[in-house]
Structures are given as C-alpha cells and as structure tokens.
C-alpha cells in the first residue's frame, strides 16, 4: 500500500520528511482512516507514511488561563478518560465517546478526525461550537487558524502538503455555560452519524447571553445555524423558544440523500435533535453517558500511550521488522507494506486473529499493541517494530486457559467461533482493567465486537463468570 514507512522520534524529523516528499507523503498517528482509504484505492499517489505515534510529548492535554490545548496524539479515549474534559469540554468528550469502539478510540486521534474533514466526523462539530483554533507547522514556520476557516469543502482543508497539525486549542467552558453534543446513528455503536449536533449556551441566570449551534452530516462541511442562534439570544429556554430555535435550525441546511438517510429525514432529525438538546440543557448540563469508570481496554499498565522511539527508523522492502509477539522475539524480512493483521497471519503464522471486515467494524482482529486493545486491520505492520504484541494465542499460559477462555467453554458462548478471538481479547483486557466489571462495562468492552450467530446472552454470561460474579443457576 506504500513504498516507504518512517517511524520518527521527533516533530522536526516528521517536518523534514514532509518537506522532502510533499504530496506523496501523509502523517500517520492512529491511521484508522488512511489505511482503509489506501486499501480501497481512494488515496492515489501516496507512497510514504510518516508515523508520529511514538514521538514523546504529543499526547498531552493541557489547560492554562482557561484555554485547553490538545496535542496531535491525543486520542478519543484520552479525552473520555480526562475528568477535566468532562467538566470543561463536555460536548467534545460526548462526541469522542460516540466514535467507533474502545479499540478504535485507543488509536484514533482528534487531530486525525479533524484532518479527514468528513462532515460526519463527530469531534469537528463540538470544536466548531467551542471556537477552536488549529496550529499548523512546517519547516517554513507555524500558523494558527480558526477552525471556522480550516475547511474549504467536502474533505478539503487549507493544510499544505508539508504541514503537520501540532495543536488544537479552545476556550474551556467555564462559568455559566451549558453545552451538549448529540448524535443520531443507525445503531448504538460503530455508527457514522446520520445527523449530529452540538450546542453551547452562555447564560446569565436563566437568560441566554450567547449561543452556538453546529450541525454535522447535513452539508459538505460542519455548519452553524445563525437563525436558530439568534432565536435563543436574550431568551430563556421555554418550550416556545426551544420550538422556534429547532424549526429555524431545520430550515438552514439542505442535506443530501444517501444510504444512511434521505434529505427529508435528515431535515426532520435536525429539528428533533436540536429540540432534544435544548430541552436537556434547560435542566442543566447532562451527566456523561459512560459512567465513572468506562471500559477503555487499555489495561492498568498504560493510559493508551505508546513507548517512545529512541531514533528514527525507516521501513522499506529491505528493512526487517523486529517485534515481540506473545513474549517471543521475531525478526521478519517481509510484510513492511501491509497491515498488522496480515503481518501476524501471513508473515508470522499466527492465524488465531481473524479478518472479518478489514475496516474496523467487527472486532475479530482485536490484539494488544503495547498494552492496549486495537483493531489489527487498522494498524500498519511497521508499527510493530520495537513493540509488544499479544494475540489470542498468547492468552493461555502453559496448559492453563485464561479465565475468559474457560468461561466461554463452560457457558457455551462459542457458536461458529469466527468472532470468538476478538471477544476473548476484549474480555481479557476488560478483566485486567476492571476485575469485577459491571454489566455496563461489559457491554462497553464488546461494543466493537460483532457476532452474527447469537444474541450475545451467553457471551455476556461468560464475561460475568470469568469475573466471578455470575449468579448461581
């Protein structure tokens, strides 16, 4: 899928490579979008990938003088896990929780979501409502751009080929502010938005001083709805005010028909979603949907951060990949331009990890990469160089099955078995993270794993039994 893969140790190295390769290079952080696009042939002319995922200091979330700054390696799970984000950037945290599943949120970055520039991307909507700015850097210098000026059209931005996004900044939602993000998808998890909406209200008591309402998946870019915002300013959140604002919001966009919904349906859902958000905000800010200790699937030894590289490493067809898989060291001369899934199966011979969809939808390829659960189909194989990988073959210790494996056998949680490795990996990481998980945490942990044979009852039962909390029959 690519000719050269560079794992860099500093931002300067990344910028120099961007300057050298120009339009033929792309930055990889999570890689959850670009790998699929390369595989499908949607990104023509890309020959070099520059992996910044192990550069130190890029995954930080800082707050100073009531301004929040996100580094380019801040993932969706980093946002959800940070209590400051729930307090001062709730719409962004809510949007992050709605993205994919734990395995994807462990890799996918906020920066990558912004750069992909799809109008259905969830985190753009709240960041526009919160007046974010984006810092771009190249060997030529640095510039800061309001997010409202960042997008020029469908999947198009003002970024130049030699630029890297190095920071996302936005004012913290302090004082009398009420804010919320809401998403409508076709299923509860792993769904692309049919419509999404973010609202930020600045209050003086019960009176709205200022308002921002943004909508996603209804236009080529994320849009604001000025008529609806003006219907709120200077007013209180009465039923009549809410109805008027929701109707004006629905009258603004001219959405398209596609496989997820008709234009007529989207227009009506804009009205419904905006009204629902405003009714919720009339009672104050909502509580996070994920609870106090959500299932991250990054265990207790890591916060989703990767070990740093000591120096830049270049992977072409001549370079070997040196990695540790299930505690054994491997040096492999092939597989440099494929995914971690194919590398494990075809180049190391560990076939327990399954390919169900090859686009991060089913979870069958779940493995642990440097301690965190990820979808192997969405990770470049060279990322395994110098890393530790665990597959389903590594769960069993000598002749003793992992408790989740044993529970699957005893509860009859296996049918065709194709999806089972992914469920086992999710379960093992959940139990490491939460030895006695709640039902909500179990459901969160397998939201990225699909089984086409069952109603999940025995699978959930096996999780509970493995944790030692299953009730006696």
Foldseek 3Di string as FASTA:
>chain_A
DAFKEKEFQAVQVLQVVLVVQFPQEDEFFLQLPVLVCVVVVVRPNHHYYYYDQFHPPQQDWDADPQKIKGGQNPFLLNLLQDVQCCVFPVALNLLSLQAAALQSRLRHGPNVLVQQQALQRRNLQSLLQQFKKWWKAHPVGIDIGTSVQQADFQRDGPDGSSIDTTMIMGGTRDDQKAKHKDFDAPDRHPGGGCKIKIKIFRDDVQATQWIWIWMGQFGSGIDTQVVLRVLRHGDGLDVVSLQVSLLSQLVPGQGDDDPGHHSVVSSVVSSVVSSVSSVVCSVPYDDRPQDDDAANQLFDPDSSGDHHDPGMDMDGLQAWAWAAELNDIDTWNDQQAAFQQCCVCPTVNPPQQADDDLNQQAQSRWKAKQRGTHRRSSHRNSVRRVIYIYFLVNQADDPRHQLLVVLCVVLVVQDVNSQVRRLSSLLVSRCSRPLQDDLSNSCSSCSRHDDPPDPCPSSSLSSNVSSVNRDDD
